[in-house]
Amino acid sequence: MYIYKVVWRAGEEDPLHVRDKRPPKAIARDLVKDGYLVTEAVAVRAASSAFKDEEGNAVQEDFFSVAPMGATVLVASAVAALVEHVVPAGAEPMPDFPA
């Protein structure tokens, strides 16, 4: 699965992220060819944490989670770009923190 951030032609609106099984080249081709794209909207949560352990070694932890929000249709004339999210290797699920 690939996760993309949608960059709008009309400037920065509320960020939209989508998840799709198509790789970047295929999703771009389908968007241009058909003029629209049916895909899945998702909520993305990502964070990195860095600290030193008891022995003084630098430790970095990456967290990344995606929650489905439902189907969405992207219209080619409104989309400036689809930017792929690169999930860090070994990223753990984002923990839920109490509010």
N, C-alpha and C. Protein backbone atom coordinates (compact mmCIF):
# COMPACT_ATOMS: atom_id res chain seq x y z
N MET A 1 0.84 -1.19 0.00
CA MET A 1 0.00 0.00 0.00
C MET A 1 0.88 1.24 0.00
N TYR A 2 0.41 2.23 -0.71
CA TYR A 2 1.09 3.53 -0.77
C TYR A 2 0.21 4.57 -0.10
N ILE A 3 0.83 5.54 0.54
CA ILE A 3 0.11 6.63 1.18
C ILE A 3 0.60 7.93 0.53
N TYR A 4 -0.36 8.76 0.10
CA TYR A 4 -0.04 10.00 -0.60
C TYR A 4 -0.68 11.19 0.11
N LYS A 5 0.00 12.33 0.08
CA LYS A 5 -0.59 13.59 0.49
C LYS A 5 -1.03 14.29 -0.80
N VAL A 6 -2.26 14.79 -0.80
CA VAL A 6 -2.79 15.49 -1.97
C VAL A 6 -2.42 16.97 -1.86
N VAL A 7 -1.77 17.50 -2.91
CA VAL A 7 -1.45 18.92 -2.99
C VAL A 7 -2.44 19.53 -3.98
N TRP A 8 -3.21 20.50 -3.52
CA TRP A 8 -4.27 21.10 -4.34
C TRP A 8 -3.75 22.23 -5.21
N ARG A 9 -4.34 22.41 -6.39
CA ARG A 9 -3.98 23.51 -7.28
C ARG A 9 -4.37 24.87 -6.71
N ALA A 10 -5.47 24.93 -5.99
CA ALA A 10 -6.00 26.20 -5.48
C ALA A 10 -5.31 26.67 -4.21
N GLY A 11 -4.21 26.10 -3.87
CA GLY A 11 -3.51 26.50 -2.65
C GLY A 11 -3.76 25.52 -1.53
N GLU A 12 -3.22 25.80 -0.38
CA GLU A 12 -3.30 24.87 0.75
C GLU A 12 -4.67 24.91 1.39
N GLU A 13 -5.36 23.82 1.31
CA GLU A 13 -6.62 23.64 2.01
C GLU A 13 -6.36 22.66 3.14
N ASP A 14 -7.42 22.15 3.73
CA ASP A 14 -7.23 21.10 4.73
C ASP A 14 -6.46 19.95 4.09
N PRO A 15 -5.44 19.45 4.76
CA PRO A 15 -4.66 18.37 4.14
C PRO A 15 -5.51 17.11 3.96
N LEU A 16 -5.31 16.45 2.84
CA LEU A 16 -5.99 15.20 2.55
C LEU A 16 -4.91 14.17 2.25
N HIS A 17 -5.04 13.02 2.88
CA HIS A 17 -4.15 11.90 2.61
C HIS A 17 -4.99 10.76 2.06
N VAL A 18 -4.42 10.02 1.13
CA VAL A 18 -5.11 8.87 0.56
C VAL A 18 -4.20 7.66 0.60
N ARG A 19 -4.84 6.47 0.60
CA ARG A 19 -4.10 5.22 0.60
C ARG A 19 -4.57 4.44 -0.63
N ASP A 20 -3.61 3.89 -1.38
CA ASP A 20 -3.95 3.19 -2.63
C ASP A 20 -2.93 2.10 -2.88
N LYS A 21 -3.35 1.03 -3.55
CA LYS A 21 -2.43 -0.06 -3.86
C LYS A 21 -1.58 0.24 -5.08
N ARG A 22 -1.95 1.27 -5.85
CA ARG A 22 -1.21 1.61 -7.07
C ARG A 22 0.06 2.38 -6.73
N PRO A 23 1.18 2.03 -7.37
CA PRO A 23 2.42 2.77 -7.16
C PRO A 23 2.32 4.16 -7.80
N PRO A 24 3.26 5.07 -7.47
CA PRO A 24 3.17 6.45 -7.94
C PRO A 24 2.95 6.61 -9.46
N LYS A 25 3.69 5.88 -10.26
CA LYS A 25 3.57 6.01 -11.71
C LYS A 25 2.17 5.61 -12.18
N ALA A 26 1.64 4.54 -11.65
CA ALA A 26 0.32 4.05 -12.06
C ALA A 26 -0.80 4.97 -11.59
N ILE A 27 -0.71 5.48 -10.36
CA ILE A 27 -1.77 6.34 -9.86
C ILE A 27 -1.80 7.66 -10.63
N ALA A 28 -0.64 8.19 -10.98
CA ALA A 28 -0.58 9.42 -11.78
C ALA A 28 -1.14 9.18 -13.18
N ARG A 29 -0.79 8.07 -13.78
CA ARG A 29 -1.31 7.73 -15.11
C ARG A 29 -2.83 7.62 -15.10
N ASP A 30 -3.38 6.93 -14.10
CA ASP A 30 -4.83 6.76 -14.01
C ASP A 30 -5.54 8.09 -13.78
N LEU A 31 -4.96 8.96 -12.97
CA LEU A 31 -5.57 10.27 -12.71
C LEU A 31 -5.62 11.11 -13.98
N VAL A 32 -4.53 11.12 -14.74
CA VAL A 32 -4.47 11.90 -15.98
C VAL A 32 -5.36 11.28 -17.06
N LYS A 33 -5.31 9.97 -17.21
CA LYS A 33 -6.06 9.28 -18.26
C LYS A 33 -7.57 9.43 -18.06
N ASP A 34 -8.06 9.19 -16.85
CA ASP A 34 -9.49 9.20 -16.58
C ASP A 34 -10.03 10.57 -16.18
N GLY A 35 -9.16 11.46 -15.70
CA GLY A 35 -9.60 12.77 -15.25
C GLY A 35 -10.08 12.77 -13.80
N TYR A 36 -10.12 11.61 -13.19
CA TYR A 36 -10.50 11.49 -11.78
C TYR A 36 -9.88 10.22 -11.23
N LEU A 37 -9.92 10.10 -9.92
CA LEU A 37 -9.33 8.94 -9.26
C LEU A 37 -10.21 8.57 -8.08
N VAL A 38 -10.64 7.35 -8.01
CA VAL A 38 -11.39 6.85 -6.86
C VAL A 38 -10.38 6.13 -5.97
N THR A 39 -10.30 6.56 -4.72
CA THR A 39 -9.31 6.01 -3.80
C THR A 39 -9.86 6.08 -2.38
N GLU A 40 -9.03 5.81 -1.39
CA GLU A 40 -9.46 5.80 0.01
C GLU A 40 -8.80 6.94 0.78
N ALA A 41 -9.61 7.79 1.41
CA ALA A 41 -9.08 8.85 2.27
C ALA A 41 -8.68 8.23 3.60
N VAL A 42 -7.58 8.72 4.16
CA VAL A 42 -7.08 8.22 5.44
C VAL A 42 -6.61 9.38 6.31
N ALA A 43 -6.62 9.15 7.61
CA ALA A 43 -6.02 10.09 8.57
C ALA A 43 -4.64 9.55 8.91
N VAL A 44 -3.63 10.40 8.76
CA VAL A 44 -2.24 10.00 9.00
C VAL A 44 -1.75 10.64 10.29
N ARG A 45 -1.10 9.84 11.11
CA ARG A 45 -0.43 10.33 12.32
C ARG A 45 1.01 9.83 12.27
N ALA A 46 1.95 10.75 12.39
CA ALA A 46 3.37 10.38 12.33
C ALA A 46 4.16 11.23 13.32
N ALA A 47 5.19 10.62 13.89
CA ALA A 47 6.06 11.34 14.83
C ALA A 47 7.39 10.61 14.94
N SER A 48 8.40 11.37 15.31
CA SER A 48 9.72 10.80 15.60
C SER A 48 10.13 11.25 16.99
N SER A 49 10.87 10.40 17.65
CA SER A 49 11.35 10.70 18.99
C SER A 49 12.83 10.32 19.05
N ALA A 50 13.64 11.17 19.65
CA ALA A 50 15.06 10.86 19.80
C ALA A 50 15.47 11.13 21.25
N PHE A 51 16.28 10.23 21.79
CA PHE A 51 16.73 10.38 23.17
C PHE A 51 18.00 9.54 23.36
N LYS A 52 18.61 9.70 24.50
CA LYS A 52 19.79 8.89 24.85
C LYS A 52 19.37 7.87 25.90
N ASP A 53 19.80 6.63 25.69
CA ASP A 53 19.48 5.58 26.66
C ASP A 53 20.44 5.66 27.85
N GLU A 54 20.31 4.70 28.79
CA GLU A 54 21.12 4.73 30.01
C GLU A 54 22.61 4.68 29.74
N GLU A 55 23.02 4.05 28.61
CA GLU A 55 24.44 3.97 28.27
C GLU A 55 24.93 5.17 27.46
N GLY A 56 24.05 6.12 27.20
CA GLY A 56 24.43 7.31 26.45
C GLY A 56 24.33 7.16 24.94
N ASN A 57 23.76 6.06 24.46
CA ASN A 57 23.60 5.85 23.02
C ASN A 57 22.38 6.61 22.51
N ALA A 58 22.51 7.23 21.36
CA ALA A 58 21.38 7.93 20.75
C ALA A 58 20.40 6.91 20.20
N VAL A 59 19.13 7.09 20.53
CA VAL A 59 18.07 6.19 20.09
C VAL A 59 17.01 7.02 19.38
N GLN A 60 16.59 6.58 18.21
CA GLN A 60 15.50 7.25 17.50
C GLN A 60 14.37 6.27 17.31
N GLU A 61 13.16 6.71 17.62
CA GLU A 61 11.96 5.90 17.42
C GLU A 61 11.05 6.64 16.45
N ASP A 62 10.51 5.91 15.48
CA ASP A 62 9.57 6.47 14.54
C ASP A 62 8.22 5.81 14.75
N PHE A 63 7.16 6.62 14.67
CA PHE A 63 5.80 6.12 14.83
C PHE A 63 4.98 6.58 13.62
N PHE A 64 4.09 5.70 13.15
CA PHE A 64 3.29 6.03 11.97
C PHE A 64 2.02 5.19 12.00
N SER A 65 0.89 5.84 11.89
CA SER A 65 -0.39 5.14 11.86
C SER A 65 -1.30 5.77 10.82
N VAL A 66 -2.15 4.92 10.25
CA VAL A 66 -3.12 5.36 9.25
C VAL A 66 -4.48 4.80 9.63
N ALA A 67 -5.51 5.66 9.64
CA ALA A 67 -6.87 5.22 9.95
C ALA A 67 -7.77 5.53 8.75
N PRO A 68 -8.51 4.53 8.26
CA PRO A 68 -9.37 4.76 7.10
C PRO A 68 -10.49 5.74 7.42
N MET A 69 -10.84 6.59 6.44
CA MET A 69 -11.91 7.57 6.59
C MET A 69 -13.03 7.35 5.57
N GLY A 70 -12.79 6.52 4.56
CA GLY A 70 -13.81 6.26 3.55
C GLY A 70 -13.33 6.57 2.15
N ALA A 71 -14.14 6.21 1.18
CA ALA A 71 -13.79 6.43 -0.22
C ALA A 71 -13.83 7.92 -0.55
N THR A 72 -13.01 8.31 -1.51
CA THR A 72 -12.99 9.68 -1.99
C THR A 72 -12.72 9.69 -3.49
N VAL A 73 -13.15 10.75 -4.14
CA VAL A 73 -12.90 10.93 -5.57
C VAL A 73 -12.05 12.18 -5.73
N LEU A 74 -10.90 12.04 -6.37
CA LEU A 74 -10.02 13.18 -6.67
C LEU A 74 -10.24 13.55 -8.13
N VAL A 75 -10.51 14.82 -8.40
CA VAL A 75 -10.69 15.31 -9.76
C VAL A 75 -9.35 15.88 -10.23
N ALA A 76 -8.90 15.44 -11.39
CA ALA A 76 -7.56 15.80 -11.88
C ALA A 76 -7.35 17.31 -11.95
N SER A 77 -8.37 18.07 -12.33
CA SER A 77 -8.20 19.52 -12.47
C SER A 77 -7.97 20.21 -11.13
N ALA A 78 -8.28 19.57 -10.02
CA ALA A 78 -8.09 20.16 -8.70
C ALA A 78 -6.79 19.73 -8.04
N VAL A 79 -6.16 18.68 -8.56
CA VAL A 79 -4.96 18.10 -7.93
C VAL A 79 -3.70 18.62 -8.62
N ALA A 80 -2.81 19.24 -7.85
CA ALA A 80 -1.52 19.69 -8.40
C ALA A 80 -0.50 18.58 -8.35
N ALA A 81 -0.52 17.78 -7.28
CA ALA A 81 0.45 16.70 -7.13
C ALA A 81 -0.02 15.71 -6.08
N LEU A 82 0.50 14.51 -6.19
CA LEU A 82 0.33 13.49 -5.15
C LEU A 82 1.74 13.17 -4.65
N VAL A 83 1.98 13.45 -3.38
CA VAL A 83 3.31 13.27 -2.80
C VAL A 83 3.29 12.02 -1.93
N GLU A 84 4.16 11.07 -2.25
CA GLU A 84 4.17 9.81 -1.51
C GLU A 84 4.78 10.01 -0.12
N HIS A 85 4.08 9.48 0.89
CA HIS A 85 4.63 9.42 2.25
C HIS A 85 5.57 8.23 2.30
N VAL A 86 6.77 8.45 2.75
CA VAL A 86 7.70 7.35 2.94
C VAL A 86 7.70 7.00 4.42
N VAL A 87 7.20 5.82 4.73
CA VAL A 87 7.12 5.37 6.11
C VAL A 87 8.51 4.88 6.52
N PRO A 88 9.05 5.40 7.61
CA PRO A 88 10.38 4.95 8.04
C PRO A 88 10.40 3.44 8.29
N ALA A 89 11.48 2.80 7.88
CA ALA A 89 11.64 1.36 8.11
C ALA A 89 11.58 1.10 9.62
N GLY A 90 10.81 0.11 10.00
CA GLY A 90 10.72 -0.26 11.40
C GLY A 90 9.82 0.65 12.23
N ALA A 91 9.06 1.53 11.58
CA ALA A 91 8.18 2.43 12.34
C ALA A 91 7.14 1.62 13.09
N GLU A 92 6.88 2.03 14.31
CA GLU A 92 5.90 1.36 15.15
C GLU A 92 4.57 2.10 15.04
N PRO A 93 3.45 1.41 15.37
CA PRO A 93 2.16 2.11 15.35
C PRO A 93 2.17 3.27 16.33
N MET A 94 1.51 4.35 15.93
CA MET A 94 1.42 5.54 16.80
C MET A 94 0.61 5.19 18.04
N PRO A 95 1.18 5.42 19.23
CA PRO A 95 0.43 5.11 20.45
C PRO A 95 -0.71 6.10 20.65
N ASP A 96 -1.77 5.64 21.28
CA ASP A 96 -2.89 6.54 21.63
C ASP A 96 -2.60 7.10 23.00
N PHE A 97 -2.61 8.43 23.08
CA PHE A 97 -2.37 9.09 24.35
C PHE A 97 -3.69 9.63 24.89
N PRO A 98 -3.93 9.55 26.17
CA PRO A 98 -5.17 10.08 26.73
C PRO A 98 -5.23 11.60 26.53
N ALA A 99 -6.42 12.10 26.32
CA ALA A 99 -6.61 13.54 26.07
C ALA A 99 -6.48 14.34 27.34
